[in-house]
């Protein structure tokens, strides 16, 4: 928020409403969605975190019980959330087609053979990445008069739903895993202790001058930006 003036200046050169992305932001957001949907899957497949059995059970279970809370219930929650939150973009048939495509190419393709670091394994990952990158980039559309919640640059219907399903796999099977959550909580405590320790150091009238110069400069810049923001 310390760059609020810069943000306002940047938006002023592009005539969009207060709730609509600029062209630059839309391009960045779309590129970020594509990269996140594909490359995190690759990385976690390489280290053996993403397991075929769990993904297969969820996607196949939903396909057999679409619209119900049973096998695949978390994917069904995603479907309902997208329908209620993003009704302007959501389509039931496109969602079902996206689940089928991801199941066929991810579960029966990339995850079918555990990654072993071999040239064949690397080639499988590279082909998966190239295939999905080409498909998603081909779905980038330009709209001269988009809905308020959309943007001048966005993904076509099929690709938008595919990205939602791929991101679900990332979130549900990786980011929300309890074992990773334990690791992250430990990292949070370490960072908190470091920040608290640095603050105590810089607040010590007898020892503050011995703090690393770079650290003191960063703290001063952050304090200045915050003061500008709250005035």
Protein backbone atom coordinates (compact mmCIF):
# COMPACT_ATOMS: atom_id res chain seq x y z
CA UNK A 1 0.00 0.00 0.00
CA UNK A 2 3.01 2.33 0.26
CA UNK A 3 2.94 2.53 -3.57
CA UNK A 4 -0.71 3.66 -3.69
CA UNK A 5 0.12 6.88 -5.57
CA UNK A 6 2.06 4.90 -8.19
CA UNK A 7 -0.86 2.50 -8.56
CA UNK A 8 -3.32 5.35 -9.15
CA UNK A 9 -0.97 6.92 -11.73
CA UNK A 10 -0.58 3.62 -13.59
CA UNK A 11 -4.33 3.03 -13.74
CA UNK A 12 -5.00 6.58 -14.94
CA UNK A 13 -3.51 5.88 -18.38
CA UNK A 14 -5.93 3.02 -19.05
CA UNK A 15 -9.68 3.84 -19.09
CA UNK A 16 -11.21 1.10 -16.95
CA UNK A 17 -13.79 1.16 -14.20
CA UNK A 18 -12.75 1.13 -10.53
CA UNK A 19 -13.36 -2.63 -10.19
CA UNK A 20 -11.86 -3.77 -13.48
CA UNK A 21 -8.31 -4.89 -14.16
CA UNK A 22 -6.04 -2.88 -16.40
CA UNK A 23 -4.75 -4.59 -19.53
CA UNK A 24 -1.34 -5.12 -17.95
CA UNK A 25 -2.85 -6.63 -14.79
CA UNK A 26 -5.09 -8.92 -16.83
CA UNK A 27 -2.14 -10.22 -18.85
CA UNK A 28 -0.13 -10.80 -15.67
CA UNK A 29 -3.05 -12.50 -13.91
CA UNK A 30 -3.71 -14.81 -16.85
CA UNK A 31 -0.03 -15.71 -17.20
CA UNK A 32 0.17 -16.38 -13.46
CA UNK A 33 -2.86 -18.68 -13.59
CA UNK A 34 -1.33 -20.67 -16.45
CA UNK A 35 2.05 -20.95 -14.75
CA UNK A 36 0.59 -21.90 -11.37
CA UNK A 37 -1.78 -24.47 -12.87
CA UNK A 38 1.01 -26.33 -14.66
CA UNK A 39 4.44 -25.83 -13.15
CA UNK A 40 3.63 -26.49 -9.49
CA UNK A 41 2.19 -29.85 -10.56
CA UNK A 42 5.48 -30.63 -12.31
CA UNK A 43 7.58 -29.67 -9.31
CA UNK A 44 5.60 -31.72 -6.82
CA UNK A 45 5.45 -34.69 -9.18
CA UNK A 46 9.25 -34.59 -9.39
CA UNK A 47 9.65 -34.80 -5.62
CA UNK A 48 6.99 -37.49 -5.26
CA UNK A 49 4.50 -35.41 -3.27
CA UNK A 50 1.65 -35.66 -5.78
CA UNK A 51 0.30 -39.22 -5.75
CA UNK A 52 -1.80 -40.72 -8.52
CA UNK A 53 -4.15 -42.71 -6.27
CA UNK A 54 -5.54 -39.75 -4.35
CA UNK A 55 -6.06 -37.58 -7.43
CA UNK A 56 -7.64 -40.47 -9.32
CA UNK A 57 -10.06 -41.23 -6.48
CA UNK A 58 -11.24 -37.63 -6.23
CA UNK A 59 -11.64 -36.94 -9.95
CA UNK A 60 -13.12 -40.32 -10.83
CA UNK A 61 -15.40 -40.25 -7.80
CA UNK A 62 -16.78 -36.86 -8.79
CA UNK A 63 -17.37 -37.99 -12.38
CA UNK A 64 -19.51 -40.89 -11.11
CA UNK A 65 -21.43 -38.83 -8.55
CA UNK A 66 -21.52 -35.33 -10.06
CA UNK A 67 -23.83 -33.00 -8.18
CA UNK A 68 -23.72 -35.09 -5.00
CA UNK A 69 -21.72 -35.03 -1.78
CA UNK A 70 -20.09 -38.44 -1.91
CA UNK A 71 -16.87 -39.62 -3.53
CA UNK A 72 -15.30 -36.50 -5.01
CA UNK A 73 -17.13 -34.25 -2.55
CA UNK A 74 -14.32 -31.69 -2.36
CA UNK A 75 -14.37 -31.28 -6.11
CA UNK A 76 -18.14 -30.92 -5.89
CA UNK A 77 -17.64 -28.12 -3.35
CA UNK A 78 -15.38 -26.40 -5.86
CA UNK A 79 -18.03 -26.75 -8.56
CA UNK A 80 -20.70 -25.19 -6.36
CA UNK A 81 -18.38 -22.44 -5.19
CA UNK A 82 -17.51 -21.50 -8.77
CA UNK A 83 -21.18 -21.61 -9.77
CA UNK A 84 -22.19 -19.30 -6.91
CA UNK A 85 -19.16 -16.97 -6.94
CA UNK A 86 -18.32 -16.83 -10.65
CA UNK A 87 -21.67 -17.48 -12.28
CA UNK A 88 -20.82 -15.07 -15.09
CA UNK A 89 -18.07 -17.46 -16.26
CA UNK A 90 -19.13 -20.87 -14.94
CA UNK A 91 -20.67 -23.60 -17.09
CA UNK A 92 -21.56 -27.09 -15.81
CA UNK A 93 -20.76 -28.89 -19.06
CA UNK A 94 -17.40 -27.11 -19.35
CA UNK A 95 -16.56 -28.05 -15.75
CA UNK A 96 -17.33 -31.73 -16.39
CA UNK A 97 -15.24 -31.65 -19.58
CA UNK A 98 -12.36 -30.03 -17.69
CA UNK A 99 -12.43 -32.74 -15.00
CA UNK A 100 -12.37 -35.43 -17.70
CA UNK A 101 -9.47 -33.82 -19.55
CA UNK A 102 -7.39 -33.35 -16.39
CA UNK A 103 -8.15 -36.92 -15.30
CA UNK A 104 -7.09 -38.34 -18.66
CA UNK A 105 -3.90 -36.32 -19.04
CA UNK A 106 -2.76 -35.95 -15.43
CA UNK A 107 -3.95 -39.12 -13.70
CA UNK A 108 -3.62 -41.54 -16.62
CA UNK A 109 -0.65 -39.68 -18.10
CA UNK A 110 1.85 -37.76 -15.99
CA UNK A 111 1.15 -39.45 -12.65
CA UNK A 112 0.82 -42.97 -14.04
CA UNK A 113 4.56 -43.59 -13.62
CA UNK A 114 6.41 -42.21 -10.56
CA UNK A 115 9.15 -39.76 -11.45
CA UNK A 116 12.58 -41.41 -11.25
CA UNK A 117 14.85 -38.66 -12.54
CA UNK A 118 15.56 -40.51 -15.77
CA UNK A 119 15.61 -38.92 -19.21
CA UNK A 120 12.34 -40.69 -19.99
CA UNK A 121 10.78 -39.23 -16.83
CA UNK A 122 12.01 -35.73 -17.67
CA UNK A 123 10.67 -36.11 -21.21
CA UNK A 124 7.22 -37.08 -19.87
CA UNK A 125 7.17 -34.00 -17.64
CA UNK A 126 8.35 -31.73 -20.47
CA UNK A 127 5.71 -33.08 -22.85
CA UNK A 128 2.98 -32.60 -20.24
CA UNK A 129 4.12 -29.02 -19.66
CA UNK A 130 4.36 -28.18 -23.36
CA UNK A 131 0.99 -29.73 -24.13
CA UNK A 132 -0.85 -27.85 -21.40
CA UNK A 133 0.99 -24.58 -21.94
CA UNK A 134 0.07 -24.62 -25.63
CA UNK A 135 -3.55 -25.44 -24.85
CA UNK A 136 -4.00 -22.78 -22.20
CA UNK A 137 -2.15 -20.07 -24.15
CA UNK A 138 -4.33 -20.89 -27.17
CA UNK A 139 -7.33 -20.14 -24.95
CA UNK A 140 -6.29 -16.56 -24.21
CA UNK A 141 -8.98 -14.23 -25.59
CA UNK A 142 -9.27 -10.48 -26.07
CA UNK A 143 -12.59 -8.78 -25.36
CA UNK A 144 -13.13 -5.12 -26.15
CA UNK A 145 -16.12 -4.85 -23.80
CA UNK A 146 -15.75 -7.42 -21.02
CA UNK A 147 -18.10 -7.92 -18.05
CA UNK A 148 -17.18 -5.91 -14.98
CA UNK A 149 -15.72 -8.92 -13.19
CA UNK A 150 -13.77 -10.07 -16.23
CA UNK A 151 -11.03 -8.30 -18.14
CA UNK A 152 -9.96 -7.36 -21.64
CA UNK A 153 -7.62 -10.36 -21.64
CA UNK A 154 -8.91 -13.63 -20.19
CA UNK A 155 -9.14 -17.36 -20.80
CA UNK A 156 -11.82 -18.92 -22.98
CA UNK A 157 -14.53 -20.98 -21.28
CA UNK A 158 -12.91 -24.42 -21.65
CA UNK A 159 -9.47 -23.30 -20.54
CA UNK A 160 -10.82 -21.23 -17.64
CA UNK A 161 -12.51 -24.32 -16.20
CA UNK A 162 -9.42 -26.47 -16.78
CA UNK A 163 -7.30 -23.99 -14.85
CA UNK A 164 -9.77 -24.13 -11.95
CA UNK A 165 -9.52 -27.93 -11.82
CA UNK A 166 -5.71 -27.94 -12.09
CA UNK A 167 -5.47 -25.33 -9.33
CA UNK A 168 -7.80 -27.47 -7.21
CA UNK A 169 -5.39 -30.39 -7.55
CA UNK A 170 -2.54 -28.12 -6.44
CA UNK A 171 -4.46 -26.75 -3.49
CA UNK A 172 -6.21 -29.89 -2.23
CA UNK A 173 -3.47 -32.46 -2.69
CA UNK A 174 -0.44 -30.28 -1.93
CA UNK A 175 -1.02 -26.97 -0.17
CA UNK A 176 -3.66 -28.27 2.26
CA UNK A 177 -1.79 -31.44 3.24
CA UNK A 178 -1.46 -31.78 7.05
CA UNK A 179 2.21 -32.79 6.89
CA UNK A 180 3.07 -29.70 4.85
CA UNK A 181 0.95 -27.57 7.18
CA UNK A 182 3.09 -28.73 10.14
CA UNK A 183 6.23 -27.69 8.27
CA UNK A 184 4.73 -24.31 7.37
CA UNK A 185 3.67 -23.65 10.95
CA UNK A 186 7.23 -24.30 12.07
CA UNK A 187 8.52 -21.90 9.43
CA UNK A 188 6.02 -19.25 10.57
CA UNK A 189 7.26 -19.51 14.16
CA UNK A 190 10.87 -19.21 13.03
CA UNK A 191 10.11 -16.10 10.98
CA UNK A 192 8.11 -14.60 13.87
CA UNK A 193 11.03 -15.16 16.23
CA UNK A 194 13.45 -13.57 13.77
CA UNK A 195 11.25 -10.50 13.27
CA UNK A 196 10.70 -10.10 17.01
CA UNK A 197 14.41 -10.49 17.65
CA UNK A 198 15.34 -7.90 15.00
CA UNK A 199 12.77 -5.48 16.39
CA UNK A 200 14.18 -5.88 19.92
CA UNK A 201 17.67 -5.33 18.55
CA UNK A 202 16.81 -2.17 16.63
CA UNK A 203 14.89 -0.83 19.63
CA UNK A 204 17.84 -1.32 21.97
CA UNK A 205 19.35 2.16 22.54
CA UNK A 206 22.74 0.70 23.48
CA UNK A 207 23.06 -1.90 20.71
CA UNK A 208 21.02 -0.61 17.73
CA UNK A 209 24.06 0.93 16.04
CA UNK A 210 25.63 -2.51 15.70
CA UNK A 211 22.72 -3.84 13.61
CA UNK A 212 23.48 -4.67 9.94
CA UNK A 213 23.23 -1.48 7.89
CA UNK A 214 21.09 -3.15 5.23
CA UNK A 215 18.58 -4.31 7.85
CA UNK A 216 18.33 -0.83 9.37
CA UNK A 217 17.81 0.74 5.92
CA UNK A 218 15.00 -1.70 5.07
CA UNK A 219 13.24 -1.02 8.37
CA UNK A 220 13.53 2.74 7.84
CA UNK A 221 12.11 2.48 4.31
CA UNK A 222 9.20 0.36 5.53
CA UNK A 223 8.45 2.77 8.38
CA UNK A 224 8.52 5.73 5.97
CA UNK A 225 6.13 3.99 3.57
CA UNK A 226 3.73 3.15 6.39
CA UNK A 227 3.77 6.74 7.68
CA UNK A 228 2.91 8.02 4.19
CA UNK A 229 0.06 5.56 3.95
CA UNK A 230 -1.62 6.44 7.23
CA UNK A 231 -1.38 10.21 6.83
